[in-house]
Structure formats: C-alpha cells, structure tokens
Amino acid sequence: MMFAVAVTFKINSADWDRFMPLMLENAQASLHAETQCKQFDVCTDPARPLEVFLYELYDDADAFRHHLESDHFLAFDAAVADMIESKQVMTYGTVE
C-alpha cells in the first residue's frame, strides 16, 4: 500500500525568496536519504504566487512518520516556521 501526502503552504510574501531554497533542499534530501520516499514534488501556480503545493509518496504511513522524525525535516521545519502563514496537510492511503 502506498501512502500519499499533500501539503499546501501559504508563505509570507517577505519570506518567499528564503523559503523556496530550503523547501527544495528538503525535498531533495527526502528523496536521497529516505529509501521509502518514492516521490516529492514541489509545485507552484502563478495564479497563487505565495502558495506551495507538495505531493509526497511513501511506501506506507510508517515511512512518512520516519520522514517527520528525520534530521533534515526537523531542521527544515524549524528554519521555516516563521515564514509560513498557513499549512494544510492531507494524507491518503491507496485503496486495495
């Protein structure tokens, strides 16, 4: 069973240029350091210039919990905490 995570961030306008490199670094670290992280897409839309959408795919819910406890995620989360106006996390398991 695969486990999908969809995250939507709204970033403070003054912090966009600092946030995006940290976000991309976290995505790359997740893909390279976590063997159970299969996909980590960072997406934006010009119609919503301060919004970032993440699509993450893991082997299972335990793999996502491992991601949340990883050093690179914890460092990212601490570094961007004050840059985020809002954050919504949705999780989904595949239907079998």
N, C-alpha and C. Protein backbone atom coordinates (compact mmCIF):
# COMPACT_ATOMS: atom_id res chain seq x y z
N MET A 1 0.84 -1.18 0.00
CA MET A 1 0.00 0.00 0.00
C MET A 1 0.89 1.25 0.00
N MET A 2 0.61 2.16 -0.88
CA MET A 2 1.34 3.43 -0.92
C MET A 2 0.62 4.44 -0.03
N PHE A 3 1.38 5.44 0.42
CA PHE A 3 0.85 6.47 1.31
C PHE A 3 1.19 7.82 0.70
N ALA A 4 0.17 8.59 0.36
CA ALA A 4 0.36 9.89 -0.27
C ALA A 4 0.14 11.01 0.74
N VAL A 5 0.93 12.06 0.60
CA VAL A 5 0.83 13.24 1.45
C VAL A 5 0.73 14.46 0.54
N ALA A 6 -0.29 15.28 0.80
CA ALA A 6 -0.46 16.53 0.06
C ALA A 6 -0.40 17.66 1.08
N VAL A 7 0.51 18.60 0.85
CA VAL A 7 0.69 19.73 1.77
C VAL A 7 0.54 21.02 0.98
N THR A 8 -0.22 21.94 1.53
CA THR A 8 -0.36 23.26 0.92
C THR A 8 0.12 24.30 1.93
N PHE A 9 1.11 25.08 1.52
CA PHE A 9 1.65 26.17 2.33
C PHE A 9 1.21 27.50 1.74
N LYS A 10 0.94 28.46 2.58
CA LYS A 10 0.87 29.85 2.16
C LYS A 10 2.04 30.54 2.85
N ILE A 11 2.91 31.14 2.04
CA ILE A 11 4.16 31.70 2.55
C ILE A 11 4.01 33.22 2.70
N ASN A 12 4.57 33.76 3.76
CA ASN A 12 4.60 35.21 3.93
C ASN A 12 5.38 35.81 2.76
N SER A 13 4.85 36.87 2.16
CA SER A 13 5.45 37.42 0.95
C SER A 13 6.91 37.84 1.16
N ALA A 14 7.25 38.36 2.31
CA ALA A 14 8.62 38.80 2.57
C ALA A 14 9.59 37.63 2.68
N ASP A 15 9.08 36.41 2.84
CA ASP A 15 9.94 35.25 3.09
C ASP A 15 10.06 34.30 1.91
N TRP A 16 9.38 34.59 0.80
CA TRP A 16 9.37 33.67 -0.34
C TRP A 16 10.77 33.29 -0.81
N ASP A 17 11.63 34.27 -1.00
CA ASP A 17 12.97 34.00 -1.53
C ASP A 17 13.84 33.20 -0.58
N ARG A 18 13.56 33.25 0.69
CA ARG A 18 14.30 32.43 1.66
C ARG A 18 13.68 31.04 1.78
N PHE A 19 12.36 30.96 1.66
CA PHE A 19 11.64 29.70 1.85
C PHE A 19 11.95 28.68 0.74
N MET A 20 11.87 29.11 -0.51
CA MET A 20 11.95 28.16 -1.62
C MET A 20 13.25 27.35 -1.67
N PRO A 21 14.42 27.94 -1.49
CA PRO A 21 15.63 27.10 -1.49
C PRO A 21 15.62 26.06 -0.36
N LEU A 22 15.09 26.43 0.79
CA LEU A 22 15.01 25.48 1.90
C LEU A 22 14.02 24.36 1.59
N MET A 23 12.92 24.72 0.94
CA MET A 23 11.92 23.72 0.56
C MET A 23 12.49 22.73 -0.45
N LEU A 24 13.17 23.25 -1.47
CA LEU A 24 13.76 22.37 -2.48
C LEU A 24 14.86 21.49 -1.89
N GLU A 25 15.63 22.04 -0.97
CA GLU A 25 16.68 21.25 -0.30
C GLU A 25 16.06 20.11 0.51
N ASN A 26 14.97 20.38 1.21
CA ASN A 26 14.28 19.36 1.99
C ASN A 26 13.73 18.26 1.08
N ALA A 27 13.16 18.65 -0.04
CA ALA A 27 12.62 17.66 -0.98
C ALA A 27 13.73 16.74 -1.49
N GLN A 28 14.86 17.33 -1.90
CA GLN A 28 15.98 16.53 -2.41
C GLN A 28 16.55 15.62 -1.33
N ALA A 29 16.68 16.14 -0.11
CA ALA A 29 17.19 15.31 0.99
C ALA A 29 16.25 14.14 1.27
N SER A 30 14.97 14.38 1.20
CA SER A 30 13.99 13.32 1.44
C SER A 30 14.13 12.22 0.39
N LEU A 31 14.24 12.60 -0.87
CA LEU A 31 14.37 11.62 -1.94
C LEU A 31 15.68 10.84 -1.87
N HIS A 32 16.75 11.50 -1.46
CA HIS A 32 18.05 10.83 -1.45
C HIS A 32 18.32 10.05 -0.16
N ALA A 33 17.84 10.53 0.97
CA ALA A 33 18.18 9.90 2.25
C ALA A 33 17.13 8.89 2.73
N GLU A 34 15.92 9.00 2.21
CA GLU A 34 14.84 8.13 2.68
C GLU A 34 14.46 7.16 1.56
N THR A 35 14.87 5.91 1.71
CA THR A 35 14.61 4.93 0.66
C THR A 35 13.12 4.66 0.46
N GLN A 36 12.31 4.93 1.45
CA GLN A 36 10.87 4.69 1.32
C GLN A 36 10.10 5.93 0.86
N CYS A 37 10.80 7.00 0.56
CA CYS A 37 10.20 8.18 -0.06
C CYS A 37 10.35 8.01 -1.56
N LYS A 38 9.25 7.82 -2.27
CA LYS A 38 9.28 7.50 -3.69
C LYS A 38 9.11 8.73 -4.58
N GLN A 39 8.46 9.76 -4.07
CA GLN A 39 8.23 10.97 -4.86
C GLN A 39 8.07 12.14 -3.90
N PHE A 40 8.60 13.30 -4.32
CA PHE A 40 8.47 14.51 -3.51
C PHE A 40 8.49 15.69 -4.47
N ASP A 41 7.31 16.09 -4.91
CA ASP A 41 7.18 17.18 -5.87
C ASP A 41 6.85 18.48 -5.16
N VAL A 42 7.53 19.54 -5.55
CA VAL A 42 7.29 20.90 -5.05
C VAL A 42 6.66 21.67 -6.21
N CYS A 43 5.43 22.16 -6.03
CA CYS A 43 4.68 22.76 -7.12
C CYS A 43 4.19 24.16 -6.73
N THR A 44 4.12 25.02 -7.74
CA THR A 44 3.55 26.36 -7.56
C THR A 44 2.66 26.67 -8.75
N ASP A 45 1.86 27.72 -8.63
CA ASP A 45 0.99 28.18 -9.70
C ASP A 45 1.05 29.70 -9.73
N PRO A 46 1.37 30.30 -10.88
CA PRO A 46 1.46 31.77 -10.95
C PRO A 46 0.17 32.47 -10.52
N ALA A 47 -0.96 31.79 -10.61
CA ALA A 47 -2.23 32.39 -10.19
C ALA A 47 -2.32 32.53 -8.67
N ARG A 48 -1.51 31.76 -7.96
CA ARG A 48 -1.47 31.81 -6.49
C ARG A 48 -0.01 31.95 -6.08
N PRO A 49 0.57 33.13 -6.22
CA PRO A 49 2.03 33.31 -6.13
C PRO A 49 2.67 33.01 -4.78
N LEU A 50 1.92 32.97 -3.72
CA LEU A 50 2.53 32.71 -2.40
C LEU A 50 2.17 31.31 -1.87
N GLU A 51 1.64 30.47 -2.75
CA GLU A 51 1.22 29.13 -2.36
C GLU A 51 2.20 28.10 -2.90
N VAL A 52 2.50 27.11 -2.07
CA VAL A 52 3.35 25.99 -2.47
C VAL A 52 2.57 24.71 -2.17
N PHE A 53 2.53 23.83 -3.16
CA PHE A 53 1.84 22.55 -3.01
C PHE A 53 2.87 21.44 -3.09
N LEU A 54 2.85 20.53 -2.12
CA LEU A 54 3.74 19.37 -2.13
C LEU A 54 2.93 18.12 -2.37
N TYR A 55 3.48 17.23 -3.18
CA TYR A 55 2.92 15.90 -3.34
C TYR A 55 4.05 14.92 -3.01
N GLU A 56 3.83 14.13 -1.96
CA GLU A 56 4.84 13.20 -1.48
C GLU A 56 4.25 11.79 -1.50
N LEU A 57 5.06 10.83 -1.86
CA LEU A 57 4.60 9.45 -1.92
C LEU A 57 5.60 8.57 -1.17
N TYR A 58 5.07 7.80 -0.22
CA TYR A 58 5.88 6.93 0.63
C TYR A 58 5.38 5.50 0.53
N ASP A 59 6.21 4.56 0.93
CA ASP A 59 5.81 3.15 0.92
C ASP A 59 4.62 2.89 1.83
N ASP A 60 4.59 3.57 2.97
CA ASP A 60 3.49 3.38 3.92
C ASP A 60 3.51 4.52 4.94
N ALA A 61 2.54 4.52 5.86
CA ALA A 61 2.42 5.58 6.86
C ALA A 61 3.64 5.62 7.79
N ASP A 62 4.22 4.47 8.08
CA ASP A 62 5.42 4.45 8.92
C ASP A 62 6.59 5.18 8.25
N ALA A 63 6.70 5.05 6.95
CA ALA A 63 7.76 5.75 6.22
C ALA A 63 7.57 7.27 6.33
N PHE A 64 6.32 7.71 6.29
CA PHE A 64 6.06 9.15 6.45
C PHE A 64 6.40 9.59 7.87
N ARG A 65 6.07 8.79 8.86
CA ARG A 65 6.44 9.13 10.25
C ARG A 65 7.96 9.22 10.39
N HIS A 66 8.66 8.32 9.72
CA HIS A 66 10.13 8.37 9.72
C HIS A 66 10.61 9.70 9.11
N HIS A 67 9.98 10.11 8.02
CA HIS A 67 10.32 11.39 7.40
C HIS A 67 10.17 12.53 8.40
N LEU A 68 9.06 12.55 9.14
CA LEU A 68 8.80 13.63 10.10
C LEU A 68 9.81 13.66 11.24
N GLU A 69 10.49 12.54 11.47
CA GLU A 69 11.49 12.46 12.54
C GLU A 69 12.93 12.61 12.02
N SER A 70 13.09 12.74 10.71
CA SER A 70 14.44 12.81 10.13
C SER A 70 15.11 14.15 10.46
N ASP A 71 16.42 14.11 10.52
CA ASP A 71 17.18 15.33 10.84
C ASP A 71 16.94 16.43 9.81
N HIS A 72 16.91 16.07 8.52
CA HIS A 72 16.72 17.11 7.51
C HIS A 72 15.33 17.75 7.59
N PHE A 73 14.29 16.95 7.87
CA PHE A 73 12.95 17.55 8.01
C PHE A 73 12.88 18.42 9.25
N LEU A 74 13.40 17.96 10.37
CA LEU A 74 13.34 18.75 11.60
C LEU A 74 14.09 20.08 11.44
N ALA A 75 15.22 20.06 10.76
CA ALA A 75 15.97 21.30 10.50
C ALA A 75 15.16 22.23 9.59
N PHE A 76 14.58 21.68 8.53
CA PHE A 76 13.74 22.47 7.63
C PHE A 76 12.56 23.08 8.37
N ASP A 77 11.86 22.27 9.12
CA ASP A 77 10.66 22.71 9.84
C ASP A 77 10.98 23.86 10.79
N ALA A 78 12.09 23.75 11.50
CA ALA A 78 12.49 24.82 12.42
C ALA A 78 12.88 26.09 11.67
N ALA A 79 13.57 25.92 10.54
CA ALA A 79 14.06 27.08 9.78
C ALA A 79 12.93 27.88 9.14
N VAL A 80 11.84 27.21 8.75
CA VAL A 80 10.78 27.91 8.01
C VAL A 80 9.56 28.24 8.85
N ALA A 81 9.55 27.85 10.10
CA ALA A 81 8.35 28.02 10.93
C ALA A 81 7.77 29.44 10.89
N ASP A 82 8.62 30.44 10.95
CA ASP A 82 8.14 31.82 10.96
C ASP A 82 7.82 32.36 9.57
N MET A 83 8.12 31.61 8.54
CA MET A 83 7.89 32.05 7.17
C MET A 83 6.50 31.65 6.65
N ILE A 84 5.83 30.78 7.37
CA ILE A 84 4.59 30.17 6.90
C ILE A 84 3.39 30.87 7.52
N GLU A 85 2.51 31.35 6.64
CA GLU A 85 1.26 31.96 7.09
C GLU A 85 0.24 30.88 7.44
N SER A 86 0.18 29.82 6.62
CA SER A 86 -0.72 28.70 6.91
C SER A 86 -0.18 27.43 6.26
N LYS A 87 -0.63 26.30 6.80
CA LYS A 87 -0.17 25.00 6.30
C LYS A 87 -1.30 23.99 6.48
N GLN A 88 -1.59 23.25 5.42
CA GLN A 88 -2.60 22.19 5.49
C GLN A 88 -1.97 20.89 5.02
N VAL A 89 -2.10 19.84 5.82
CA VAL A 89 -1.54 18.54 5.48
C VAL A 89 -2.69 17.54 5.35
N MET A 90 -2.74 16.86 4.21
CA MET A 90 -3.73 15.82 3.97
C MET A 90 -2.97 14.54 3.64
N THR A 91 -3.43 13.40 4.17
CA THR A 91 -2.80 12.12 3.90
C THR A 91 -3.82 11.15 3.32
N TYR A 92 -3.31 10.24 2.48
CA TYR A 92 -4.18 9.28 1.80
C TYR A 92 -3.46 7.94 1.66
N GLY A 93 -4.18 6.87 1.89
CA GLY A 93 -3.66 5.53 1.60
C GLY A 93 -4.33 5.03 0.34
N THR A 94 -3.63 4.15 -0.38
CA THR A 94 -4.23 3.60 -1.60
C THR A 94 -5.36 2.64 -1.25
N VAL A 95 -6.34 2.58 -2.10
CA VAL A 95 -7.48 1.68 -1.92
C VAL A 95 -7.14 0.34 -2.55
N GLU A 96 -7.31 -0.67 -1.78
CA GLU A 96 -6.99 -2.03 -2.28
C GLU A 96 -8.24 -2.84 -2.43
